[in-house]
């Protein structure tokens, strides 16, 4: 397995990265929003998006 940041062989301690530096670089990418999961389908409101005081909200 190679490091997804620099391509060097991965180290077991930092797997899948080769070093703490590459792990931190990857974390920085996540925190900056460089990695995204595309949304599929409509942008409709889902039941979980409703306000808790909504009378149509599901009761748990």
PDB file of N, CA and C in Angstrom:
ATOM      1  N   UNK A   1       0.853  -1.171   0.000  1.00  0.00           N
ATOM      2  CA  UNK A   1       0.000   0.000   0.000  1.00  0.00           C
ATOM      3  C   UNK A   1       0.898   1.233   0.000  1.00  0.00           C
ATOM      4  N   UNK A   2       0.493   2.222  -0.782  1.00  0.00           N
ATOM      5  CA  UNK A   2       1.259   3.467  -0.830  1.00  0.00           C
ATOM      6  C   UNK A   2       0.464   4.605  -0.199  1.00  0.00           C
ATOM      7  N   UNK A   3       1.183   5.569   0.283  1.00  0.00           N
ATOM      8  CA  UNK A   3       0.593   6.755   0.907  1.00  0.00           C
ATOM      9  C   UNK A   3      -0.231   7.519  -0.134  1.00  0.00           C
ATOM     10  N   UNK A   4      -1.491   7.842   0.180  1.00  0.00           N
ATOM     11  CA  UNK A   4      -2.320   8.564  -0.787  1.00  0.00           C
ATOM     12  C   UNK A   4      -1.892  10.021  -0.993  1.00  0.00           C
ATOM     13  N   UNK A   5      -1.039  10.534  -0.135  1.00  0.00           N
ATOM     14  CA  UNK A   5      -0.596  11.925  -0.255  1.00  0.00           C
ATOM     15  C   UNK A   5       0.673  12.034  -1.098  1.00  0.00           C
ATOM     16  N   UNK A   6       1.694  11.221  -0.781  1.00  0.00           N
ATOM     17  CA  UNK A   6       2.981  11.375  -1.474  1.00  0.00           C
ATOM     18  C   UNK A   6       3.403  10.165  -2.304  1.00  0.00           C
ATOM     19  N   UNK A   7       2.748   9.022  -2.123  1.00  0.00           N
ATOM     20  CA  UNK A   7       3.069   7.839  -2.918  1.00  0.00           C
ATOM     21  C   UNK A   7       4.153   6.941  -2.340  1.00  0.00           C
ATOM     22  N   UNK A   8       4.734   7.305  -1.208  1.00  0.00           N
ATOM     23  CA  UNK A   8       5.739   6.445  -0.567  1.00  0.00           C
ATOM     24  C   UNK A   8       5.053   5.233   0.067  1.00  0.00           C
ATOM     25  N   UNK A   9       5.826   4.199   0.406  1.00  0.00           N
ATOM     26  CA  UNK A   9       5.236   3.040   1.088  1.00  0.00           C
ATOM     27  C   UNK A   9       4.639   3.459   2.440  1.00  0.00           C
ATOM     28  N   UNK A  10       3.483   2.913   2.772  1.00  0.00           N
ATOM     29  CA  UNK A  10       2.806   3.244   4.028  1.00  0.00           C
ATOM     30  C   UNK A  10       3.538   2.619   5.207  1.00  0.00           C
ATOM     31  N   UNK A  11       3.529   3.312   6.321  1.00  0.00           N
ATOM     32  CA  UNK A  11       4.078   2.809   7.582  1.00  0.00           C
ATOM     33  C   UNK A  11       2.916   2.315   8.432  1.00  0.00           C
ATOM     34  N   UNK A  12       3.095   1.180   9.090  1.00  0.00           N
ATOM     35  CA  UNK A  12       2.018   0.597   9.893  1.00  0.00           C
ATOM     36  C   UNK A  12       1.491   1.585  10.932  1.00  0.00           C
ATOM     37  N   UNK A  13       2.375   2.347  11.533  1.00  0.00           N
ATOM     38  CA  UNK A  13       1.974   3.284  12.590  1.00  0.00           C
ATOM     39  C   UNK A  13       1.025   4.369  12.077  1.00  0.00           C
ATOM     40  N   UNK A  14       1.186   4.790  10.824  1.00  0.00           N
ATOM     41  CA  UNK A  14       0.400   5.896  10.266  1.00  0.00           C
ATOM     42  C   UNK A  14      -0.531   5.447   9.149  1.00  0.00           C
ATOM     43  N   UNK A  15      -0.684   4.166   8.986  1.00  0.00           N
ATOM     44  CA  UNK A  15      -1.438   3.609   7.872  1.00  0.00           C
ATOM     45  C   UNK A  15      -2.770   4.290   7.668  1.00  0.00           C
ATOM     46  N   UNK A  16      -3.156   4.671   6.507  1.00  0.00           N
ATOM     47  CA  UNK A  16      -2.588   4.351   5.201  1.00  0.00           C
ATOM     48  C   UNK A  16      -1.505   5.331   4.752  1.00  0.00           C
ATOM     49  N   UNK A  17      -1.027   6.175   5.656  1.00  0.00           N
ATOM     50  CA  UNK A  17      -0.036   7.187   5.300  1.00  0.00           C
ATOM     51  C   UNK A  17       1.372   6.696   5.620  1.00  0.00           C
ATOM     52  N   UNK A  18       2.365   7.439   5.136  1.00  0.00           N
ATOM     53  CA  UNK A  18       3.756   7.058   5.392  1.00  0.00           C
ATOM     54  C   UNK A  18       4.319   7.762   6.621  1.00  0.00           C
ATOM     55  N   UNK A  19       3.687   8.851   7.035  1.00  0.00           N
ATOM     56  CA  UNK A  19       4.214   9.641   8.150  1.00  0.00           C
ATOM     57  C   UNK A  19       3.100  10.466   8.782  1.00  0.00           C
ATOM     58  N   UNK A  20       3.416  11.008   9.930  1.00  0.00           N
ATOM     59  CA  UNK A  20       2.452  11.887  10.591  1.00  0.00           C
ATOM     60  C   UNK A  20       2.193  13.132   9.742  1.00  0.00           C
ATOM     61  N   UNK A  21       3.221  13.614   9.067  1.00  0.00           N
ATOM     62  CA  UNK A  21       3.069  14.794   8.216  1.00  0.00           C
ATOM     63  C   UNK A  21       2.009  14.555   7.152  1.00  0.00           C
ATOM     64  N   UNK A  22       2.083  13.416   6.456  1.00  0.00           N
ATOM     65  CA  UNK A  22       1.096  13.142   5.408  1.00  0.00           C
ATOM     66  C   UNK A  22      -0.297  12.950   6.010  1.00  0.00           C
ATOM     67  N   UNK A  23      -0.383  12.347   7.189  1.00  0.00           N
ATOM     68  CA  UNK A  23      -1.678  12.210   7.860  1.00  0.00           C
ATOM     69  C   UNK A  23      -2.245  13.587   8.191  1.00  0.00           C
ATOM     70  N   UNK A  24      -1.391  14.495   8.649  1.00  0.00           N
ATOM     71  CA  UNK A  24      -1.836  15.854   8.966  1.00  0.00           C
ATOM     72  C   UNK A  24      -2.234  16.629   7.712  1.00  0.00           C
ATOM     73  N   UNK A  25      -1.517  16.417   6.617  1.00  0.00           N
ATOM     74  CA  UNK A  25      -1.880  17.063   5.349  1.00  0.00           C
ATOM     75  C   UNK A  25      -3.276  16.599   4.931  1.00  0.00           C
ATOM     76  N   UNK A  26      -3.532  15.298   5.056  1.00  0.00           N
ATOM     77  CA  UNK A  26      -4.846  14.757   4.704  1.00  0.00           C
ATOM     78  C   UNK A  26      -5.935  15.341   5.603  1.00  0.00           C
ATOM     79  N   UNK A  27      -5.669  15.441   6.895  1.00  0.00           N
ATOM     80  CA  UNK A  27      -6.633  16.040   7.820  1.00  0.00           C
ATOM     81  C   UNK A  27      -6.926  17.480   7.420  1.00  0.00           C
ATOM     82  N   UNK A  28      -5.899  18.206   7.033  1.00  0.00           N
ATOM     83  CA  UNK A  28      -6.092  19.579   6.572  1.00  0.00           C
ATOM     84  C   UNK A  28      -7.002  19.654   5.360  1.00  0.00           C
ATOM     85  N   UNK A  29      -6.859  18.695   4.445  1.00  0.00           N
ATOM     86  CA  UNK A  29      -7.748  18.655   3.276  1.00  0.00           C
ATOM     87  C   UNK A  29      -9.203  18.480   3.714  1.00  0.00           C
ATOM     88  N   UNK A  30      -9.434  17.586   4.680  1.00  0.00           N
ATOM     89  CA  UNK A  30     -10.808  17.375   5.167  1.00  0.00           C
ATOM     90  C   UNK A  30     -11.341  18.640   5.832  1.00  0.00           C
ATOM     91  N   UNK A  31     -10.529  19.268   6.670  1.00  0.00           N
ATOM     92  CA  UNK A  31     -10.988  20.447   7.409  1.00  0.00           C
ATOM     93  C   UNK A  31     -11.263  21.637   6.500  1.00  0.00           C
ATOM     94  N   UNK A  32     -10.534  21.742   5.404  1.00  0.00           N
ATOM     95  CA  UNK A  32     -10.750  22.833   4.447  1.00  0.00           C
ATOM     96  C   UNK A  32     -11.905  22.550   3.498  1.00  0.00           C
ATOM     97  N   UNK A  33     -12.435  21.328   3.537  1.00  0.00           N
ATOM     98  CA  UNK A  33     -13.537  20.974   2.650  1.00  0.00           C
ATOM     99  C   UNK A  33     -13.086  20.572   1.259  1.00  0.00           C
ATOM    100  N   UNK A  34     -11.817  20.194   1.111  1.00  0.00           N
ATOM    101  CA  UNK A  34     -11.325  19.771  -0.197  1.00  0.00           C
ATOM    102  C   UNK A  34     -11.895  18.426  -0.623  1.00  0.00           C
ATOM    103  N   UNK A  35     -12.290  17.596   0.333  1.00  0.00           N
ATOM    104  CA  UNK A  35     -12.912  16.316   0.025  1.00  0.00           C
ATOM    105  C   UNK A  35     -14.407  16.481   0.246  1.00  0.00           C
ATOM    106  N   UNK A  36     -15.187  16.077  -0.736  1.00  0.00           N
ATOM    107  CA  UNK A  36     -16.644  16.206  -0.626  1.00  0.00           C
ATOM    108  C   UNK A  36     -17.306  14.962  -1.171  1.00  0.00           C
ATOM    109  N   UNK A  37     -18.445  14.643  -0.630  1.00  0.00           N
ATOM    110  CA  UNK A  37     -19.266  13.555  -1.143  1.00  0.00           C
ATOM    111  C   UNK A  37     -20.404  14.211  -1.900  1.00  0.00           C
ATOM    112  N   UNK A  38     -20.538  13.938  -3.196  1.00  0.00           N
ATOM    113  CA  UNK A  38     -21.585  14.603  -3.977  1.00  0.00           C
ATOM    114  C   UNK A  38     -22.976  14.182  -3.527  1.00  0.00           C
ATOM    115  N   UNK A  39     -23.882  15.133  -3.510  1.00  0.00           N
ATOM    116  CA  UNK A  39     -25.277  14.862  -3.164  1.00  0.00           C
ATOM    117  C   UNK A  39     -25.998  14.367  -4.409  1.00  0.00           C
ATOM    118  N   UNK A  40     -26.832  13.379  -4.232  1.00  0.00           N
ATOM    119  CA  UNK A  40     -27.611  12.836  -5.332  1.00  0.00           C
ATOM    120  C   UNK A  40     -29.089  13.070  -5.069  1.00  0.00           C
ATOM    121  N   UNK A  41     -29.849  13.271  -6.101  1.00  0.00           N
ATOM    122  CA  UNK A  41     -31.292  13.394  -5.966  1.00  0.00           C
ATOM    123  C   UNK A  41     -31.740  14.791  -5.605  1.00  0.00           C
ATOM    124  N   UNK A  42     -32.987  14.854  -5.157  1.00  0.00           N
ATOM    125  CA  UNK A  42     -33.614  16.123  -4.820  1.00  0.00           C
ATOM    126  C   UNK A  42     -33.042  16.701  -3.537  1.00  0.00           C
ATOM    127  N   UNK A  43     -33.227  17.970  -3.404  1.00  0.00           N
ATOM    128  CA  UNK A  43     -32.837  18.673  -2.186  1.00  0.00           C
ATOM    129  C   UNK A  43     -34.058  18.827  -1.277  1.00  0.00           C
ATOM    130  N   UNK A  44     -34.971  17.863  -1.358  1.00  0.00           N
ATOM    131  CA  UNK A  44     -36.191  17.923  -0.550  1.00  0.00           C
ATOM    132  C   UNK A  44     -35.862  17.797   0.923  1.00  0.00           C
ATOM    133  N   UNK A  45     -36.771  18.317   1.712  1.00  0.00           N
ATOM    134  CA  UNK A  45     -36.647  18.191   3.154  1.00  0.00           C
ATOM    135  C   UNK A  45     -36.921  16.746   3.538  1.00  0.00           C
ATOM    136  N   UNK A  46     -36.075  16.197   4.384  1.00  0.00           N
ATOM    137  CA  UNK A  46     -36.295  14.846   4.881  1.00  0.00           C
ATOM    138  C   UNK A  46     -36.931  14.945   6.263  1.00  0.00           C
ATOM    139  N   UNK A  47     -37.555  13.876   6.735  1.00  0.00           N
ATOM    140  CA  UNK A  47     -38.181  13.943   8.067  1.00  0.00           C
ATOM    141  C   UNK A  47     -37.208  14.377   9.162  1.00  0.00           C
ATOM    142  N   UNK A  48     -35.941  14.022   9.055  1.00  0.00           N
ATOM    143  CA  UNK A  48     -34.965  14.408  10.070  1.00  0.00           C
ATOM    144  C   UNK A  48     -34.658  15.898  10.046  1.00  0.00           C
ATOM    145  N   UNK A  49     -34.977  16.588   8.939  1.00  0.00           N
ATOM    146  CA  UNK A  49     -34.718  18.022   8.825  1.00  0.00           C
ATOM    147  C   UNK A  49     -35.811  18.869   9.474  1.00  0.00           C
ATOM    148  N   UNK A  50     -36.913  18.269   9.847  1.00  0.00           N
ATOM    149  CA  UNK A  50     -38.017  19.031  10.437  1.00  0.00           C
ATOM    150  C   UNK A  50     -37.651  19.529  11.828  1.00  0.00           C
ATOM    151  N   UNK A  51     -38.304  20.593  12.215  1.00  0.00           N
ATOM    152  CA  UNK A  51     -38.101  21.134  13.559  1.00  0.00           C
ATOM    153  C   UNK A  51     -38.759  20.214  14.580  1.00  0.00           C
ATOM    154  N   UNK A  52     -38.204  20.112  15.783  1.00  0.00           N
ATOM    155  CA  UNK A  52     -38.782  19.230  16.799  1.00  0.00           C
ATOM    156  C   UNK A  52     -40.208  19.614  17.196  1.00  0.00           C
ATOM    157  N   UNK A  53     -40.579  20.902  17.079  1.00  0.00           N
ATOM    158  CA  UNK A  53     -41.924  21.316  17.467  1.00  0.00           C
ATOM    159  C   UNK A  53     -42.920  21.190  16.313  1.00  0.00           C
ATOM    160  N   UNK A  54     -42.493  20.660  15.179  1.00  0.00           N
ATOM    161  CA  UNK A  54     -43.371  20.441  14.028  1.00  0.00           C
ATOM    162  C   UNK A  54     -44.369  19.339  14.391  1.00  0.00           C
ATOM    163  N   UNK A  55     -45.681  19.604  14.259  1.00  0.00           N
ATOM    164  CA  UNK A  55     -46.666  18.584  14.626  1.00  0.00           C
ATOM    165  C   UNK A  55     -46.563  17.320  13.775  1.00  0.00           C
ATOM    166  N   UNK A  56     -45.967  17.415  12.583  1.00  0.00           N
ATOM    167  CA  UNK A  56     -45.818  16.232  11.742  1.00  0.00           C
ATOM    168  C   UNK A  56     -44.485  15.517  11.969  1.00  0.00           C
ATOM    169  N   UNK A  57     -43.674  16.035  12.869  1.00  0.00           N
ATOM    170  CA  UNK A  57     -42.384  15.401  13.148  1.00  0.00           C
ATOM    171  C   UNK A  57     -42.620  14.052  13.815  1.00  0.00           C
ATOM    172  N   UNK A  58     -41.827  13.052  13.466  1.00  0.00           N
ATOM    173  CA  UNK A  58     -42.017  11.729  14.070  1.00  0.00           C
ATOM    174  C   UNK A  58     -41.695  11.756  15.557  1.00  0.00           C
ATOM    175  N   UNK A  59     -42.440  11.006  16.313  1.00  0.00           N
ATOM    176  CA  UNK A  59     -42.212  10.876  17.759  1.00  0.00           C
ATOM    177  C   UNK A  59     -41.342   9.652  18.004  1.00  0.00           C
ATOM    178  N   UNK A  60     -40.401   9.784  18.928  1.00  0.00           N
ATOM    179  CA  UNK A  60     -39.510   8.657  19.241  1.00  0.00           C
ATOM    180  C   UNK A  60     -39.842   8.098  20.585  1.00  0.00           C
TER     181      UNK A  60
END
